[in-house]
């Protein structure tokens, strides 16, 4: 039956013409579909390439002594952007720079900014959570001494005095008296907990420093940052200022938050990418606490290693 149908179809020339047109049209459509598929595939890969290329390069967090010292910006800042400091501070900075972990030292810009804010806040009681070689501690002591003579107190909290031993004689050179620096050598968490309770003192009386501290600087173990923050807000008076260092951690915090821990790749400290990615969780938790805390107002500055400036309302 199929043969009969085909024989009848090919009896006229018009049917030959119709078949030819149909075959040609089918071929053209088929080729067109395949070409369009290839076009879509190429378009997708090209789009992905353009999207990768269009991702903006992350700006650097500005840390003065990690920057190229020959650049015009650094030269100008060193000449016109910082106030003159006691020679003892430069000695601590120079001694610290010889250590393998010198990056732990607070940057000069951050230290001077904290001193200026301490001046405006009329700081008389300062807590340093994490001392290291004492660079920032000395800067804050010098600022308070310039206004108050010997009527001030700096409470230094650290689990060790090792690095501080290398530079403590520079405090004497700067005429910082022993009575003005209370160094408490134990985990800072324990010290802050004691200061937030009625602790009996060795010579009688009780210590409860809640609501009496003017300025606090946190730069210690990152895993404890959220707890340090909770105690710091209890200790601060209204109008007191908290400074949280490493609030961006060389950019690890932003990469961790937006890309995930396994995709943290630091431009200037690639060897620290994995370690800093683990710290980022705790630092972000602290930043988030600050943002959502109705007791405070804050401004996170992209200098040093990220400095979160927090005022208790």
Foldseek 3Di string as FASTA:
>chain_A
DVVVVVVVQPPDPVSVVVVVVVVVVVVVVVVVVVVVVVVVVVVVVVVVVVVVVPPDDDDFQAFLVLDDCPDPVSVCCVVPVADDDDVLLVVLLVVLVVDPVSLLDFGRVVLRVVLVLCVVLLFQEEEEQDQQQNNSVLSNLLSNCVPPPLRGAYEYEEQDCVNVVVRVVSCVVVVNDPVRYHYDHRNVLVVLVQLCDFDADPVGGTHHQFQPGAEYEHRDDLQCLQVVVVSVLRNHHAQHKYKYPLLCVQVLLVCCVPPNLVPQAHDSCRVCSNVVSVSSVSSVVNVVCQVPDPQWDWDWGSHSNIMIMIGGD
